[in-house]
C-alpha cells in the first residue's frame, strides 16, 4: 500500500556469480557501468561490491526513483558493453518497492 505523499522507489538487490579472473577482465566495463548508472537522472543509489562470504559473487544494490527510471536503466544496460559482456553470468535478484519519504 502506498502512503499518500510518498513516491514508490524501486530497489534491486542480489548477486552476480563471477570468478576472479573474469572480474579482472571486466573491471573496466564495470567501472564504466557504475559511472553511467549513477549519472542516470532516476538513479538514487548504485553499488556493486565483492561479497565478503562468497568470493565468486558480486553483491548488487540499486535504487531508482520510480518504476519508469528502473525500466529505463534496464533497457540501457541490456545493450551496454557491460550488459553484453556479462549476459552469460548467473544472477539472483529481488526487485521490490521502496517508499521514499517526503
PDB file of N, CA and C in Angstrom:
ATOM      1  N   UNK A   1       0.840  -1.174   0.000  1.00  0.00           N
ATOM      2  CA  UNK A   1       0.000   0.000   0.000  1.00  0.00           C
ATOM      3  C   UNK A   1       0.887   1.239   0.000  1.00  0.00           C
ATOM      4  N   UNK A   2       0.551   2.208  -0.819  1.00  0.00           N
ATOM      5  CA  UNK A   2       1.310   3.446  -0.908  1.00  0.00           C
ATOM      6  C   UNK A   2       0.753   4.464   0.070  1.00  0.00           C
ATOM      7  N   UNK A   3       1.626   5.104   0.815  1.00  0.00           N
ATOM      8  CA  UNK A   3       1.224   6.161   1.732  1.00  0.00           C
ATOM      9  C   UNK A   3       1.067   7.446   0.942  1.00  0.00           C
ATOM     10  N   UNK A   4      -0.066   8.199   1.133  1.00  0.00           N
ATOM     11  CA  UNK A   4      -0.238   9.455   0.406  1.00  0.00           C
ATOM     12  C   UNK A   4       0.954  10.374   0.641  1.00  0.00           C
ATOM     13  N   UNK A   5       1.404  11.040  -0.443  1.00  0.00           N
ATOM     14  CA  UNK A   5       2.517  11.961  -0.334  1.00  0.00           C
ATOM     15  C   UNK A   5       3.884  11.302  -0.424  1.00  0.00           C
ATOM     16  N   UNK A   6       3.901  10.005  -0.606  1.00  0.00           N
ATOM     17  CA  UNK A   6       5.182   9.299  -0.715  1.00  0.00           C
ATOM     18  C   UNK A   6       5.256   8.592  -2.066  1.00  0.00           C
ATOM     19  N   UNK A   7       6.390   8.707  -2.707  1.00  0.00           N
ATOM     20  CA  UNK A   7       6.598   8.071  -4.003  1.00  0.00           C
ATOM     21  C   UNK A   7       7.124   6.655  -3.803  1.00  0.00           C
ATOM     22  N   UNK A   8       6.872   5.805  -4.774  1.00  0.00           N
ATOM     23  CA  UNK A   8       7.352   4.430  -4.720  1.00  0.00           C
ATOM     24  C   UNK A   8       8.654   4.309  -5.507  1.00  0.00           C
ATOM     25  N   UNK A   9       9.743   4.223  -4.821  1.00  0.00           N
ATOM     26  CA  UNK A   9      11.025   3.943  -5.454  1.00  0.00           C
ATOM     27  C   UNK A   9      11.100   2.441  -5.731  1.00  0.00           C
ATOM     28  N   UNK A  10      12.058   2.052  -6.551  1.00  0.00           N
ATOM     29  CA  UNK A  10      12.283   0.644  -6.866  1.00  0.00           C
ATOM     30  C   UNK A  10      13.695   0.281  -6.413  1.00  0.00           C
ATOM     31  N   UNK A  11      13.812  -0.851  -5.710  1.00  0.00           N
ATOM     32  CA  UNK A  11      15.120  -1.331  -5.252  1.00  0.00           C
ATOM     33  C   UNK A  11      15.372  -2.719  -5.833  1.00  0.00           C
ATOM     34  N   UNK A  12      16.583  -2.899  -6.332  1.00  0.00           N
ATOM     35  CA  UNK A  12      17.044  -4.202  -6.788  1.00  0.00           C
ATOM     36  C   UNK A  12      18.217  -4.595  -5.892  1.00  0.00           C
ATOM     37  N   UNK A  13      18.142  -5.790  -5.321  1.00  0.00           N
ATOM     38  CA  UNK A  13      19.244  -6.321  -4.527  1.00  0.00           C
ATOM     39  C   UNK A  13      19.507  -7.756  -4.952  1.00  0.00           C
ATOM     40  N   UNK A  14      20.726  -8.197  -4.766  1.00  0.00           N
ATOM     41  CA  UNK A  14      21.053  -9.574  -5.090  1.00  0.00           C
ATOM     42  C   UNK A  14      22.513  -9.747  -5.417  1.00  0.00           C
ATOM     43  N   UNK A  15      22.800 -10.707  -6.300  1.00  0.00           N
ATOM     44  CA  UNK A  15      24.189 -11.004  -6.619  1.00  0.00           C
ATOM     45  C   UNK A  15      24.356 -11.479  -8.053  1.00  0.00           C
ATOM     46  N   UNK A  16      25.610 -11.357  -8.499  1.00  0.00           N
ATOM     47  CA  UNK A  16      26.060 -11.858  -9.796  1.00  0.00           C
ATOM     48  C   UNK A  16      27.179 -12.853  -9.519  1.00  0.00           C
ATOM     49  N   UNK A  17      27.106 -14.039 -10.089  1.00  0.00           N
ATOM     50  CA  UNK A  17      28.174 -15.035  -9.949  1.00  0.00           C
ATOM     51  C   UNK A  17      29.259 -14.737 -10.984  1.00  0.00           C
ATOM     52  N   UNK A  18      30.498 -14.555 -10.503  1.00  0.00           N
ATOM     53  CA  UNK A  18      31.608 -14.239 -11.402  1.00  0.00           C
ATOM     54  C   UNK A  18      32.915 -14.672 -10.741  1.00  0.00           C
ATOM     55  N   UNK A  19      33.768 -15.354 -11.499  1.00  0.00           N
ATOM     56  CA  UNK A  19      35.045 -15.760 -10.905  1.00  0.00           C
ATOM     57  C   UNK A  19      36.040 -14.601 -10.973  1.00  0.00           C
ATOM     58  N   UNK A  20      37.096 -14.708 -10.197  1.00  0.00           N
ATOM     59  CA  UNK A  20      38.039 -13.592 -10.053  1.00  0.00           C
ATOM     60  C   UNK A  20      38.731 -13.239 -11.364  1.00  0.00           C
ATOM     61  N   UNK A  21      39.036 -14.228 -12.188  1.00  0.00           N
ATOM     62  CA  UNK A  21      39.686 -13.949 -13.473  1.00  0.00           C
ATOM     63  C   UNK A  21      38.762 -13.144 -14.387  1.00  0.00           C
ATOM     64  N   UNK A  22      37.513 -13.546 -14.447  1.00  0.00           N
ATOM     65  CA  UNK A  22      36.567 -12.817 -15.291  1.00  0.00           C
ATOM     66  C   UNK A  22      36.304 -11.417 -14.741  1.00  0.00           C
ATOM     67  N   UNK A  23      36.254 -11.283 -13.435  1.00  0.00           N
ATOM     68  CA  UNK A  23      36.069  -9.963 -12.836  1.00  0.00           C
ATOM     69  C   UNK A  23      37.228  -9.037 -13.205  1.00  0.00           C
ATOM     70  N   UNK A  24      38.454  -9.540 -13.165  1.00  0.00           N
ATOM     71  CA  UNK A  24      39.609  -8.719 -13.572  1.00  0.00           C
ATOM     72  C   UNK A  24      39.470  -8.295 -15.028  1.00  0.00           C
ATOM     73  N   UNK A  25      39.027  -9.216 -15.856  1.00  0.00           N
ATOM     74  CA  UNK A  25      38.875  -8.926 -17.286  1.00  0.00           C
ATOM     75  C   UNK A  25      37.792  -7.879 -17.541  1.00  0.00           C
ATOM     76  N   UNK A  26      36.749  -7.882 -16.706  1.00  0.00           N
ATOM     77  CA  UNK A  26      35.601  -6.998 -16.927  1.00  0.00           C
ATOM     78  C   UNK A  26      35.598  -5.758 -16.025  1.00  0.00           C
ATOM     79  N   UNK A  27      36.639  -5.559 -15.234  1.00  0.00           N
ATOM     80  CA  UNK A  27      36.659  -4.466 -14.253  1.00  0.00           C
ATOM     81  C   UNK A  27      36.426  -3.096 -14.891  1.00  0.00           C
ATOM     82  N   UNK A  28      37.048  -2.831 -16.025  1.00  0.00           N
ATOM     83  CA  UNK A  28      36.877  -1.528 -16.675  1.00  0.00           C
ATOM     84  C   UNK A  28      35.432  -1.333 -17.133  1.00  0.00           C
ATOM     85  N   UNK A  29      34.807  -2.397 -17.621  1.00  0.00           N
ATOM     86  CA  UNK A  29      33.406  -2.292 -18.039  1.00  0.00           C
ATOM     87  C   UNK A  29      32.496  -2.054 -16.843  1.00  0.00           C
ATOM     88  N   UNK A  30      32.799  -2.688 -15.713  1.00  0.00           N
ATOM     89  CA  UNK A  30      32.007  -2.458 -14.507  1.00  0.00           C
ATOM     90  C   UNK A  30      32.157  -1.014 -14.043  1.00  0.00           C
ATOM     91  N   UNK A  31      33.375  -0.486 -14.081  1.00  0.00           N
ATOM     92  CA  UNK A  31      33.583   0.918 -13.701  1.00  0.00           C
ATOM     93  C   UNK A  31      32.775   1.854 -14.597  1.00  0.00           C
ATOM     94  N   UNK A  32      32.803   1.595 -15.901  1.00  0.00           N
ATOM     95  CA  UNK A  32      32.033   2.410 -16.846  1.00  0.00           C
ATOM     96  C   UNK A  32      30.532   2.286 -16.565  1.00  0.00           C
ATOM     97  N   UNK A  33      30.074   1.072 -16.291  1.00  0.00           N
ATOM     98  CA  UNK A  33      28.657   0.841 -15.988  1.00  0.00           C
ATOM     99  C   UNK A  33      28.247   1.606 -14.728  1.00  0.00           C
ATOM    100  N   UNK A  34      29.095   1.587 -13.721  1.00  0.00           N
ATOM    101  CA  UNK A  34      28.822   2.301 -12.469  1.00  0.00           C
ATOM    102  C   UNK A  34      28.684   3.806 -12.728  1.00  0.00           C
ATOM    103  N   UNK A  35      29.617   4.381 -13.465  1.00  0.00           N
ATOM    104  CA  UNK A  35      29.586   5.821 -13.763  1.00  0.00           C
ATOM    105  C   UNK A  35      28.327   6.178 -14.544  1.00  0.00           C
ATOM    106  N   UNK A  36      28.012   5.399 -15.562  1.00  0.00           N
ATOM    107  CA  UNK A  36      26.824   5.693 -16.379  1.00  0.00           C
ATOM    108  C   UNK A  36      25.530   5.540 -15.582  1.00  0.00           C
ATOM    109  N   UNK A  37      25.471   4.526 -14.732  1.00  0.00           N
ATOM    110  CA  UNK A  37      24.266   4.316 -13.928  1.00  0.00           C
ATOM    111  C   UNK A  37      24.067   5.457 -12.950  1.00  0.00           C
ATOM    112  N   UNK A  38      25.113   5.845 -12.247  1.00  0.00           N
ATOM    113  CA  UNK A  38      24.989   6.940 -11.276  1.00  0.00           C
ATOM    114  C   UNK A  38      24.646   8.267 -11.949  1.00  0.00           C
ATOM    115  N   UNK A  39      24.951   8.402 -13.239  1.00  0.00           N
ATOM    116  CA  UNK A  39      24.621   9.617 -13.984  1.00  0.00           C
ATOM    117  C   UNK A  39      23.169   9.635 -14.467  1.00  0.00           C
ATOM    118  N   UNK A  40      22.483   8.505 -14.414  1.00  0.00           N
ATOM    119  CA  UNK A  40      21.082   8.459 -14.839  1.00  0.00           C
ATOM    120  C   UNK A  40      20.251   9.327 -13.897  1.00  0.00           C
ATOM    121  N   UNK A  41      19.332  10.101 -14.466  1.00  0.00           N
ATOM    122  CA  UNK A  41      18.557  11.051 -13.657  1.00  0.00           C
ATOM    123  C   UNK A  41      17.713  10.369 -12.583  1.00  0.00           C
ATOM    124  N   UNK A  42      17.306   9.143 -12.784  1.00  0.00           N
ATOM    125  CA  UNK A  42      16.458   8.462 -11.807  1.00  0.00           C
ATOM    126  C   UNK A  42      17.191   7.572 -10.827  1.00  0.00           C
ATOM    127  N   UNK A  43      18.519   7.515 -10.904  1.00  0.00           N
ATOM    128  CA  UNK A  43      19.290   6.645 -10.011  1.00  0.00           C
ATOM    129  C   UNK A  43      19.514   7.331  -8.672  1.00  0.00           C
ATOM    130  N   UNK A  44      19.108   6.668  -7.595  1.00  0.00           N
ATOM    131  CA  UNK A  44      19.328   7.175  -6.241  1.00  0.00           C
ATOM    132  C   UNK A  44      20.555   6.533  -5.599  1.00  0.00           C
ATOM    133  N   UNK A  45      20.764   5.250  -5.856  1.00  0.00           N
ATOM    134  CA  UNK A  45      21.885   4.502  -5.277  1.00  0.00           C
ATOM    135  C   UNK A  45      22.310   3.423  -6.260  1.00  0.00           C
ATOM    136  N   UNK A  46      23.603   3.138  -6.269  1.00  0.00           N
ATOM    137  CA  UNK A  46      24.107   2.040  -7.095  1.00  0.00           C
ATOM    138  C   UNK A  46      25.394   1.526  -6.473  1.00  0.00           C
ATOM    139  N   UNK A  47      25.422   0.246  -6.162  1.00  0.00           N
ATOM    140  CA  UNK A  47      26.599  -0.359  -5.552  1.00  0.00           C
ATOM    141  C   UNK A  47      26.774  -1.775  -6.070  1.00  0.00           C
ATOM    142  N   UNK A  48      27.986  -2.080  -6.507  1.00  0.00           N
ATOM    143  CA  UNK A  48      28.375  -3.444  -6.864  1.00  0.00           C
ATOM    144  C   UNK A  48      29.703  -3.681  -6.164  1.00  0.00           C
ATOM    145  N   UNK A  49      29.737  -4.667  -5.276  1.00  0.00           N
ATOM    146  CA  UNK A  49      30.942  -4.903  -4.473  1.00  0.00           C
ATOM    147  C   UNK A  49      31.131  -6.402  -4.255  1.00  0.00           C
ATOM    148  N   UNK A  50      32.365  -6.815  -3.989  1.00  0.00           N
ATOM    149  CA  UNK A  50      32.611  -8.235  -3.721  1.00  0.00           C
ATOM    150  C   UNK A  50      31.865  -8.696  -2.473  1.00  0.00           C
ATOM    151  N   UNK A  51      31.365  -9.907  -2.515  1.00  0.00           N
ATOM    152  CA  UNK A  51      30.714 -10.496  -1.347  1.00  0.00           C
ATOM    153  C   UNK A  51      31.774 -10.882  -0.321  1.00  0.00           C
ATOM    154  N   UNK A  52      31.560 -10.530   0.948  1.00  0.00           N
ATOM    155  CA  UNK A  52      32.531 -10.922   1.974  1.00  0.00           C
ATOM    156  C   UNK A  52      32.472 -12.418   2.311  1.00  0.00           C
ATOM    157  N   UNK A  53      31.391 -13.087   1.919  1.00  0.00           N
ATOM    158  CA  UNK A  53      31.230 -14.503   2.267  1.00  0.00           C
ATOM    159  C   UNK A  53      31.295 -15.459   1.076  1.00  0.00           C
ATOM    160  N   UNK A  54      31.148 -14.937  -0.140  1.00  0.00           N
ATOM    161  CA  UNK A  54      31.199 -15.763  -1.350  1.00  0.00           C
ATOM    162  C   UNK A  54      32.171 -15.104  -2.336  1.00  0.00           C
ATOM    163  N   UNK A  55      33.405 -15.572  -2.429  1.00  0.00           N
ATOM    164  CA  UNK A  55      34.397 -14.917  -3.282  1.00  0.00           C
ATOM    165  C   UNK A  55      34.050 -14.928  -4.773  1.00  0.00           C
ATOM    166  N   UNK A  56      33.100 -15.753  -5.162  1.00  0.00           N
ATOM    167  CA  UNK A  56      32.702 -15.833  -6.569  1.00  0.00           C
ATOM    168  C   UNK A  56      31.445 -15.018  -6.866  1.00  0.00           C
ATOM    169  N   UNK A  57      31.119 -14.058  -5.992  1.00  0.00           N
ATOM    170  CA  UNK A  57      29.910 -13.250  -6.197  1.00  0.00           C
ATOM    171  C   UNK A  57      30.189 -11.763  -6.001  1.00  0.00           C
ATOM    172  N   UNK A  58      29.431 -10.974  -6.765  1.00  0.00           N
ATOM    173  CA  UNK A  58      29.361  -9.535  -6.552  1.00  0.00           C
ATOM    174  C   UNK A  58      27.986  -9.230  -5.985  1.00  0.00           C
ATOM    175  N   UNK A  59      27.936  -8.447  -4.935  1.00  0.00           N
ATOM    176  CA  UNK A  59      26.661  -8.022  -4.360  1.00  0.00           C
ATOM    177  C   UNK A  59      26.201  -6.762  -5.071  1.00  0.00           C
ATOM    178  N   UNK A  60      24.931  -6.723  -5.426  1.00  0.00           N
ATOM    179  CA  UNK A  60      24.365  -5.613  -6.185  1.00  0.00           C
ATOM    180  C   UNK A  60      23.258  -4.963  -5.370  1.00  0.00           C
ATOM    181  N   UNK A  61      23.278  -3.630  -5.318  1.00  0.00           N
ATOM    182  CA  UNK A  61      22.223  -2.868  -4.640  1.00  0.00           C
ATOM    183  C   UNK A  61      21.964  -1.619  -5.471  1.00  0.00           C
ATOM    184  N   UNK A  62      20.762  -1.527  -6.017  1.00  0.00           N
ATOM    185  CA  UNK A  62      20.382  -0.398  -6.865  1.00  0.00           C
ATOM    186  C   UNK A  62      19.066   0.173  -6.356  1.00  0.00           C
ATOM    187  N   UNK A  63      18.912   1.482  -6.486  1.00  0.00           N
ATOM    188  CA  UNK A  63      17.652   2.121  -6.083  1.00  0.00           C
ATOM    189  C   UNK A  63      17.359   3.246  -7.067  1.00  0.00           C
ATOM    190  N   UNK A  64      16.124   3.263  -7.562  1.00  0.00           N
ATOM    191  CA  UNK A  64      15.689   4.242  -8.554  1.00  0.00           C
ATOM    192  C   UNK A  64      14.431   4.945  -8.072  1.00  0.00           C
ATOM    193  N   UNK A  65      14.215   6.173  -8.547  1.00  0.00           N
ATOM    194  CA  UNK A  65      13.107   6.989  -8.040  1.00  0.00           C
ATOM    195  C   UNK A  65      11.746   6.364  -8.296  1.00  0.00           C
ATOM    196  N   UNK A  66      11.609   5.620  -9.388  1.00  0.00           N
ATOM    197  CA  UNK A  66      10.318   5.003  -9.703  1.00  0.00           C
ATOM    198  C   UNK A  66      10.519   3.888 -10.724  1.00  0.00           C
ATOM    199  N   UNK A  67       9.438   3.221 -11.059  1.00  0.00           N
ATOM    200  CA  UNK A  67       9.479   2.091 -11.993  1.00  0.00           C
ATOM    201  C   UNK A  67       9.965   2.536 -13.374  1.00  0.00           C
ATOM    202  N   UNK A  68       9.548   3.711 -13.827  1.00  0.00           N
ATOM    203  CA  UNK A  68       9.968   4.191 -15.148  1.00  0.00           C
ATOM    204  C   UNK A  68      11.487   4.369 -15.203  1.00  0.00           C
ATOM    205  N   UNK A  69      12.071   4.945 -14.166  1.00  0.00           N
ATOM    206  CA  UNK A  69      13.530   5.134 -14.123  1.00  0.00           C
ATOM    207  C   UNK A  69      14.242   3.781 -14.096  1.00  0.00           C
ATOM    208  N   UNK A  70      13.703   2.840 -13.339  1.00  0.00           N
ATOM    209  CA  UNK A  70      14.286   1.498 -13.274  1.00  0.00           C
ATOM    210  C   UNK A  70      14.207   0.815 -14.641  1.00  0.00           C
ATOM    211  N   UNK A  71      13.049   0.906 -15.296  1.00  0.00           N
ATOM    212  CA  UNK A  71      12.883   0.294 -16.615  1.00  0.00           C
ATOM    213  C   UNK A  71      13.832   0.920 -17.635  1.00  0.00           C
ATOM    214  N   UNK A  72      14.003   2.248 -17.586  1.00  0.00           N
ATOM    215  CA  UNK A  72      14.955   2.924 -18.477  1.00  0.00           C
ATOM    216  C   UNK A  72      16.368   2.385 -18.251  1.00  0.00           C
ATOM    217  N   UNK A  73      16.729   2.215 -16.988  1.00  0.00           N
ATOM    218  CA  UNK A  73      18.051   1.674 -16.655  1.00  0.00           C
ATOM    219  C   UNK A  73      18.210   0.262 -17.219  1.00  0.00           C
ATOM    220  N   UNK A  74      17.210  -0.568 -17.062  1.00  0.00           N
ATOM    221  CA  UNK A  74      17.284  -1.937 -17.570  1.00  0.00           C
ATOM    222  C   UNK A  74      17.460  -1.956 -19.086  1.00  0.00           C
ATOM    223  N   UNK A  75      16.735  -1.083 -19.787  1.00  0.00           N
ATOM    224  CA  UNK A  75      16.865  -1.015 -21.250  1.00  0.00           C
ATOM    225  C   UNK A  75      18.270  -0.568 -21.650  1.00  0.00           C
ATOM    226  N   UNK A  76      18.785   0.472 -20.990  1.00  0.00           N
ATOM    227  CA  UNK A  76      20.121   0.969 -21.319  1.00  0.00           C
ATOM    228  C   UNK A  76      21.173  -0.104 -21.050  1.00  0.00           C
ATOM    229  N   UNK A  77      21.051  -0.761 -19.917  1.00  0.00           N
ATOM    230  CA  UNK A  77      22.041  -1.758 -19.517  1.00  0.00           C
ATOM    231  C   UNK A  77      22.063  -2.957 -20.460  1.00  0.00           C
ATOM    232  N   UNK A  78      20.917  -3.382 -20.928  1.00  0.00           N
ATOM    233  CA  UNK A  78      20.839  -4.577 -21.775  1.00  0.00           C
ATOM    234  C   UNK A  78      21.742  -4.477 -23.002  1.00  0.00           C
ATOM    235  N   UNK A  79      21.842  -3.284 -23.581  1.00  0.00           N
ATOM    236  CA  UNK A  79      22.637  -3.103 -24.797  1.00  0.00           C
ATOM    237  C   UNK A  79      23.999  -2.470 -24.541  1.00  0.00           C
ATOM    238  N   UNK A  80      24.333  -2.233 -23.278  1.00  0.00           N
ATOM    239  CA  UNK A  80      25.625  -1.619 -22.947  1.00  0.00           C
ATOM    240  C   UNK A  80      26.746  -2.651 -23.078  1.00  0.00           C
ATOM    241  N   UNK A  81      27.982  -2.172 -23.100  1.00  0.00           N
ATOM    242  CA  UNK A  81      29.128  -3.082 -23.162  1.00  0.00           C
ATOM    243  C   UNK A  81      29.117  -4.040 -21.967  1.00  0.00           C
ATOM    244  N   UNK A  82      28.796  -3.526 -20.766  1.00  0.00           N
ATOM    245  CA  UNK A  82      28.704  -4.370 -19.564  1.00  0.00           C
ATOM    246  C   UNK A  82      27.599  -5.415 -19.733  1.00  0.00           C
ATOM    247  N   UNK A  83      26.432  -4.989 -20.184  1.00  0.00           N
ATOM    248  CA  UNK A  83      25.306  -5.905 -20.339  1.00  0.00           C
ATOM    249  C   UNK A  83      25.597  -7.028 -21.315  1.00  0.00           C
ATOM    250  N   UNK A  84      26.200  -6.679 -22.438  1.00  0.00           N
ATOM    251  CA  UNK A  84      26.523  -7.683 -23.452  1.00  0.00           C
ATOM    252  C   UNK A  84      27.608  -8.639 -22.942  1.00  0.00           C
ATOM    253  N   UNK A  85      28.650  -8.097 -22.315  1.00  0.00           N
ATOM    254  CA  UNK A  85      29.778  -8.919 -21.858  1.00  0.00           C
ATOM    255  C   UNK A  85      29.425  -9.827 -20.684  1.00  0.00           C
ATOM    256  N   UNK A  86      28.371  -9.484 -19.943  1.00  0.00           N
ATOM    257  CA  UNK A  86      28.016 -10.277 -18.754  1.00  0.00           C
ATOM    258  C   UNK A  86      26.694 -11.018 -18.897  1.00  0.00           C
ATOM    259  N   UNK A  87      26.144 -11.014 -20.079  1.00  0.00           N
ATOM    260  CA  UNK A  87      24.837 -11.639 -20.310  1.00  0.00           C
ATOM    261  C   UNK A  87      24.810 -13.101 -19.867  1.00  0.00           C
ATOM    262  N   UNK A  88      25.922 -13.779 -19.983  1.00  0.00           N
ATOM    263  CA  UNK A  88      26.001 -15.212 -19.655  1.00  0.00           C
ATOM    264  C   UNK A  88      26.120 -15.485 -18.154  1.00  0.00           C
ATOM    265  N   UNK A  89      26.386 -14.475 -17.343  1.00  0.00           N
ATOM    266  CA  UNK A  89      26.604 -14.694 -15.909  1.00  0.00           C
ATOM    267  C   UNK A  89      25.288 -14.937 -15.174  1.00  0.00           C
ATOM    268  N   UNK A  90      25.355 -15.831 -14.194  1.00  0.00           N
ATOM    269  CA  UNK A  90      24.172 -16.141 -13.386  1.00  0.00           C
ATOM    270  C   UNK A  90      23.919 -14.996 -12.417  1.00  0.00           C
ATOM    271  N   UNK A  91      22.653 -14.610 -12.317  1.00  0.00           N
ATOM    272  CA  UNK A  91      22.238 -13.534 -11.425  1.00  0.00           C
ATOM    273  C   UNK A  91      21.095 -14.021 -10.543  1.00  0.00           C
ATOM    274  N   UNK A  92      21.023 -13.449  -9.356  1.00  0.00           N
ATOM    275  CA  UNK A  92      19.914 -13.725  -8.446  1.00  0.00           C
ATOM    276  C   UNK A  92      19.511 -12.385  -7.845  1.00  0.00           C
ATOM    277  N   UNK A  93      18.400 -11.838  -8.313  1.00  0.00           N
ATOM    278  CA  UNK A  93      17.964 -10.506  -7.895  1.00  0.00           C
ATOM    279  C   UNK A  93      16.571 -10.549  -7.283  1.00  0.00           C
ATOM    280  N   UNK A  94      16.331  -9.625  -6.380  1.00  0.00           N
ATOM    281  CA  UNK A  94      14.999  -9.344  -5.855  1.00  0.00           C
ATOM    282  C   UNK A  94      14.698  -7.892  -6.183  1.00  0.00           C
ATOM    283  N   UNK A  95      13.528  -7.648  -6.746  1.00  0.00           N
ATOM    284  CA  UNK A  95      13.096  -6.292  -7.079  1.00  0.00           C
ATOM    285  C   UNK A  95      11.892  -5.978  -6.213  1.00  0.00           C
ATOM    286  N   UNK A  96      11.944  -4.844  -5.525  1.00  0.00           N
ATOM    287  CA  UNK A  96      10.869  -4.509  -4.589  1.00  0.00           C
ATOM    288  C   UNK A  96      10.580  -3.014  -4.595  1.00  0.00           C
ATOM    289  N   UNK A  97       9.375  -2.670  -4.118  1.00  0.00           N
ATOM    290  CA  UNK A  97       9.015  -1.269  -3.914  1.00  0.00           C
ATOM    291  C   UNK A  97       9.724  -0.775  -2.666  1.00  0.00           C
ATOM    292  N   UNK A  98      10.090   0.485  -2.684  1.00  0.00           N
ATOM    293  CA  UNK A  98      10.820   1.088  -1.567  1.00  0.00           C
ATOM    294  C   UNK A  98      10.285   2.511  -1.405  1.00  0.00           C
ATOM    295  N   UNK A  99       9.487   2.740  -0.386  1.00  0.00           N
ATOM    296  CA  UNK A  99       8.829   4.033  -0.212  1.00  0.00           C
ATOM    297  C   UNK A  99       9.838   5.134   0.058  1.00  0.00           C
ATOM    298  N   UNK A 100       9.680   6.237  -0.673  1.00  0.00           N
ATOM    299  CA  UNK A 100      10.502   7.426  -0.459  1.00  0.00           C
ATOM    300  C   UNK A 100       9.786   8.349   0.510  1.00  0.00           C
ATOM    301  N   UNK A 101      10.497   8.873   1.463  1.00  0.00           N
ATOM    302  CA  UNK A 101       9.909   9.824   2.411  1.00  0.00           C
ATOM    303  C   UNK A 101       9.732  11.194   1.793  1.00  0.00           C
ATOM    304  N   UNK A 102       8.942  12.064   2.475  1.00  0.00           N
ATOM    305  CA  UNK A 102       8.712  13.415   1.944  1.00  0.00           C
ATOM    306  C   UNK A 102       9.975  14.240   1.962  1.00  0.00           C
TER     307      UNK A 102
END
